[in-house]
Protein backbone atom coordinates (compact mmCIF):
# COMPACT_ATOMS: atom_id res chain seq x y z
CA MET A 1 63.61 56.35 137.43
CA LEU A 2 66.71 55.96 135.30
CA VAL A 3 70.28 55.33 136.63
CA VAL A 4 73.58 55.98 134.88
CA ILE A 5 77.02 54.58 135.62
CA SER A 6 80.47 54.91 134.07
CA PRO A 7 82.19 52.10 132.05
CA ALA A 8 85.41 50.43 133.19
CA LYS A 9 88.81 50.26 131.91
CA ARG A 10 89.16 46.63 132.78
CA LEU A 11 87.21 44.06 130.70
CA ASP A 12 86.03 40.51 131.31
CA TRP A 13 85.68 38.87 128.04
CA ALA A 14 84.33 35.50 129.16
CA GLU A 15 81.56 34.13 126.87
CA GLN A 16 77.98 35.05 127.94
CA ASP A 17 74.86 33.15 127.01
CA VAL A 18 72.49 36.09 126.76
CA ALA A 19 70.91 37.73 123.79
CA VAL A 20 72.52 41.07 122.96
CA THR A 21 71.22 44.32 121.40
CA ALA A 22 72.81 46.79 119.07
CA PRO A 23 74.12 50.06 120.58
CA ASP A 24 72.09 53.13 119.51
CA PHE A 25 75.34 55.04 118.68
CA GLN A 26 77.11 52.27 116.73
CA GLU A 27 77.72 54.58 113.72
CA ASP A 28 79.33 57.08 116.01
CA ALA A 29 81.54 54.45 117.51
CA ILE A 30 82.66 53.52 113.99
CA ARG A 31 83.53 57.07 113.21
CA LEU A 32 85.46 57.56 116.37
CA VAL A 33 87.35 54.28 115.82
CA LYS A 34 88.33 55.47 112.35
CA THR A 35 89.68 58.65 113.93
CA ALA A 36 91.59 56.75 116.53
CA ARG A 37 93.13 54.50 113.94
CA ASN A 38 95.05 57.57 112.65
CA LEU A 39 96.86 58.01 115.95
CA THR A 40 100.41 56.84 116.46
CA LEU A 41 101.42 54.73 119.55
CA GLY A 42 102.87 57.93 120.96
CA ASP A 43 99.53 59.70 120.38
CA LEU A 44 97.63 56.89 122.15
CA LYS A 45 100.07 56.93 125.12
CA GLY A 46 99.56 60.61 125.59
CA LEU A 47 95.84 60.60 124.85
CA MET A 48 95.03 58.33 127.77
CA HIS A 49 98.39 58.15 129.73
CA LEU A 50 99.01 54.56 128.74
CA SER A 51 102.06 52.33 129.09
CA ASP A 52 103.77 51.06 125.89
CA ASP A 53 102.01 47.70 126.30
CA LEU A 54 98.54 49.25 126.78
CA ALA A 55 99.05 51.67 123.90
CA LYS A 56 99.85 48.67 121.64
CA LEU A 57 96.90 46.69 122.97
CA ASN A 58 94.44 49.49 122.26
CA ARG A 59 96.10 50.25 118.87
CA ASP A 60 95.35 46.68 117.90
CA ARG A 61 91.83 46.85 119.34
CA PHE A 62 91.06 49.91 117.15
CA LYS A 63 92.56 48.11 114.08
CA ALA A 64 90.43 45.01 114.70
CA PHE A 65 87.17 46.89 115.42
CA GLU A 66 84.44 45.67 113.02
CA ASP A 67 81.80 47.94 111.48
CA THR A 68 79.35 45.05 111.57
CA PRO A 69 80.79 42.73 114.22
CA GLU A 70 80.29 38.98 114.32
CA PRO A 71 78.72 37.73 117.59
CA ASP A 72 81.89 36.07 118.78
CA VAL A 73 83.84 39.31 118.98
CA THR A 74 81.27 41.14 121.10
CA ARG A 75 80.02 40.91 124.69
CA PRO A 76 77.11 42.53 126.51
CA ALA A 77 78.27 45.80 128.03
CA ALA A 78 77.21 45.27 131.61
CA LEU A 79 78.78 41.81 131.76
CA ALA A 80 82.03 42.90 129.81
CA PHE A 81 83.04 45.88 132.07
CA ALA A 82 84.83 44.52 135.19
CA GLY A 83 85.90 47.56 137.22
CA ASP A 84 85.05 48.55 140.79
CA THR A 85 81.57 49.84 139.89
CA TYR A 86 80.74 46.47 138.20
CA GLN A 87 81.85 44.64 141.41
CA GLY A 88 78.92 46.43 143.16
CA LEU A 89 76.57 46.06 140.24
CA GLU A 90 77.24 42.25 139.87
CA ALA A 91 75.22 42.18 136.66
CA GLY A 92 76.07 38.49 136.08
CA SER A 93 73.98 37.49 139.11
CA LEU A 94 70.79 39.42 138.02
CA ASP A 95 67.97 37.20 136.89
CA ALA A 96 66.23 37.55 133.56
CA ASP A 97 63.52 39.78 134.86
CA GLU A 98 66.06 42.09 136.56
CA LEU A 99 68.12 42.24 133.37
CA ALA A 100 65.06 43.21 131.44
CA PHE A 101 64.31 45.96 133.89
CA ALA A 102 67.94 47.16 133.76
CA GLN A 103 67.80 47.18 129.92
CA ASP A 104 65.06 49.83 130.19
CA HIS A 105 66.28 51.82 133.30
CA LEU A 106 70.06 51.49 133.49
CA ARG A 107 72.39 53.31 131.16
CA ILE A 108 76.27 53.18 130.82
CA LEU A 109 77.93 56.39 129.59
CA SER A 110 80.76 55.66 127.14
CA GLY A 111 83.45 57.64 125.42
CA LEU A 112 83.16 55.43 122.41
CA TYR A 113 79.54 54.36 122.36
CA GLY A 114 77.86 57.39 123.92
CA VAL A 115 75.08 55.68 125.85
CA LEU A 116 74.94 51.89 126.31
CA ARG A 117 72.17 49.58 127.46
CA PRO A 118 73.33 46.70 129.74
CA LEU A 119 72.93 44.12 126.96
CA ASP A 120 74.30 46.18 124.09
CA ALA A 121 77.01 44.38 122.18
CA ILE A 122 80.43 46.09 122.50
CA GLN A 123 83.77 45.24 121.06
CA PRO A 124 86.82 45.55 123.31
CA TYR A 125 88.00 49.06 123.55
CA ARG A 126 89.39 51.84 125.77
CA LEU A 127 88.53 55.33 125.07
CA GLU A 128 88.00 57.51 128.15
CA MET A 129 85.45 60.26 128.03
CA GLY A 130 88.05 62.80 129.15
CA SER A 131 90.30 62.06 126.18
CA LYS A 132 91.25 65.00 123.97
CA LEU A 133 90.48 63.13 120.75
CA LYS A 134 90.04 65.65 118.02
CA THR A 135 87.18 65.22 115.64
CA ARG A 136 85.28 67.32 113.18
CA ARG A 137 83.00 68.26 116.17
CA GLY A 138 85.65 69.71 118.32
CA ALA A 139 88.81 69.21 120.39
CA ASN A 140 87.64 66.37 122.75
CA LEU A 141 84.87 63.91 123.30
CA TYR A 142 82.72 66.30 125.28
CA ASP A 143 82.57 68.40 122.10
CA TYR A 144 81.86 65.22 120.04
CA TRP A 145 78.84 64.05 122.10
CA ARG A 146 77.40 67.56 122.85
CA ASP A 147 73.71 67.21 123.52
CA ASP A 148 73.39 63.63 122.21
CA LEU A 149 73.65 61.91 125.52
CA SER A 150 71.08 64.19 127.16
CA LYS A 151 68.64 63.70 124.26
CA ALA A 152 69.06 59.90 124.55
CA LEU A 153 68.40 59.97 128.23
CA ASN A 154 65.38 62.28 127.69
CA VAL A 155 63.97 59.77 125.18
CA GLN A 156 64.34 56.82 127.57
CA GLY A 157 62.84 58.84 130.32
CA ASP A 158 59.71 59.48 128.19
CA LYS A 159 59.59 55.83 127.21
CA THR A 160 59.68 54.59 130.86
CA GLY A 161 57.68 57.38 132.36
CA SER A 162 60.75 58.48 134.36
CA ASP A 163 61.29 62.03 135.53
CA VAL A 164 64.37 61.32 137.73
CA LEU A 165 67.92 60.38 136.78
CA VAL A 166 70.15 58.92 139.51
CA ASN A 167 73.74 59.75 138.63
CA CYS A 168 76.02 57.00 139.78
CA ALA A 169 78.65 57.90 137.18
CA SER A 170 81.97 59.63 137.75
CA GLN A 171 82.27 63.35 137.04
CA GLU A 172 84.50 62.58 134.02
CA TYR A 173 81.59 60.79 132.46
CA PHE A 174 78.56 62.65 133.70
CA GLY A 175 80.33 65.87 132.72
CA ALA A 176 79.50 64.89 129.12
CA VAL A 177 75.79 65.07 129.80
CA ALA A 178 74.50 68.58 128.76
CA LEU A 179 72.39 69.45 131.80
CA LYS A 180 70.69 72.34 129.99
CA ALA A 181 69.26 69.84 127.52
CA LEU A 182 68.28 67.21 130.12
CA LYS A 183 64.70 67.29 131.16
CA LEU A 184 65.16 64.87 134.12
CA ARG A 185 65.75 65.75 137.73
CA VAL A 186 69.28 64.70 138.64
CA ILE A 187 69.97 63.04 141.99
CA THR A 188 73.65 62.30 142.76
CA PRO A 189 74.17 60.06 145.84
CA ALA A 190 77.51 60.18 147.67
CA PHE A 191 79.11 57.32 149.66
CA MET A 192 81.43 57.89 152.45
CA GLU A 193 83.55 55.88 154.93
CA ASP A 194 83.90 56.91 158.56
CA LYS A 195 87.35 56.27 160.03
CA GLY A 196 86.35 57.81 163.35
CA GLN A 197 87.63 61.28 162.36
CA GLY A 198 84.58 62.20 160.22
CA PRO A 199 83.28 60.64 157.07
CA LYS A 200 85.31 60.87 153.85
CA ILE A 201 84.92 59.64 150.29
CA VAL A 202 87.34 56.71 149.46
CA SER A 203 87.36 56.34 145.69
CA PHE A 204 87.54 52.46 145.49
CA PHE A 205 84.64 52.02 147.90
CA ALA A 206 82.60 54.79 146.40
CA LYS A 207 82.78 53.40 142.96
CA LYS A 208 81.70 49.97 144.18
CA ALA A 209 78.85 51.61 146.17
CA ARG A 210 77.64 53.44 143.05
CA GLY A 211 77.36 50.02 141.30
CA ALA A 212 75.57 48.70 144.32
CA MET A 213 73.16 51.56 144.30
CA ALA A 214 72.41 50.80 140.64
CA ARG A 215 71.72 47.20 141.49
CA PHE A 216 69.47 48.25 144.37
CA ILE A 217 67.43 50.39 141.97
CA VAL A 218 67.15 47.50 139.52
CA GLN A 219 66.34 44.77 141.97
CA ASN A 220 63.67 46.90 143.74
CA ARG A 221 62.23 48.54 140.64
CA LEU A 222 62.50 51.84 142.31
CA LYS A 223 60.30 54.73 141.04
CA ALA A 224 60.09 57.28 143.90
CA PRO A 225 63.21 59.23 144.82
CA GLU A 226 62.42 58.83 148.50
CA SER A 227 63.01 54.98 148.07
CA LEU A 228 66.74 55.67 147.43
CA LEU A 229 67.12 56.64 151.13
CA ASP A 230 66.44 53.01 152.09
CA PHE A 231 69.75 51.95 150.45
CA ASN A 232 71.70 49.85 153.01
CA MET A 233 73.85 47.56 150.91
CA GLY A 234 77.33 46.98 152.26
CA GLY A 235 76.58 48.60 155.57
CA TYR A 236 75.75 52.06 154.26
CA ALA A 237 73.03 54.13 155.92
CA PHE A 238 71.40 57.47 154.86
CA GLN A 239 72.66 60.47 156.84
CA PRO A 240 70.17 63.26 156.59
CA ASP A 241 72.38 65.85 158.30
CA LEU A 242 74.96 65.56 155.59
CA SER A 243 72.54 65.39 152.71
CA THR A 244 70.77 67.85 150.44
CA HIS A 245 67.68 67.55 148.35
CA ASP A 246 69.52 66.15 145.26
CA LYS A 247 72.62 64.73 147.00
CA PRO A 248 71.75 62.04 149.50
CA VAL A 249 74.72 61.00 151.54
CA PHE A 250 75.34 57.50 152.76
CA VAL A 251 77.91 56.62 155.43
CA ARG A 252 79.33 53.44 156.90
CA PRO A 253 82.14 52.62 159.24
CA TYR A 254 85.45 52.21 157.49
CA PRO A 255 85.91 48.52 156.63
CA ALA A 256 88.31 46.82 159.01
């Protein structure tokens, strides 16, 4: 079983004492950075709806991006991303064996790096998958990545003997995966909060729960899809009456 999650806009650049690996799509990241360097501050603001300060920060990041980075300018991906999903994943508290399992079974979809392993060395960046960055391959990053993400996931599925992909990514990112080229069965769990008027998805909690589901899969070395239904972290419980074959729904009382 493989599981995919989205990256985060917010980064935690604290030093990490773990061995890192090289991203499979490093050359593509270099090409995309070179394209992004040609953008003006106004272009960057419009591309990702950034403030002036964030546009300047990301312009400087693209300028500083190294083709062959020194270790001190990179961090392992799963420990560098610091958004809601990563609060649920809590990668920093996984032990060495769990991180090793995650390295084989957890993937992070990225607008810049395509597909990342948890310990892949990344440089600070922000390039959202939905960005309409024009390249020779097309008008946006979906055009750029085409079937590459699906092929990479298929290869890892073959390596690990996995025939199921648990989609814990956002639609923005999973939309870049070409489903026709994907050989794996996709299961997309949903997480809802019940305020007493019927369960609803609350974005912040759903993102955190998707990270917690990825952690649950890693810590329990899950292989069978049925095992996903035992997920109970954070007070969630499987709701069969709201679920379908490939979309299990988990509900909890709305946090007080």
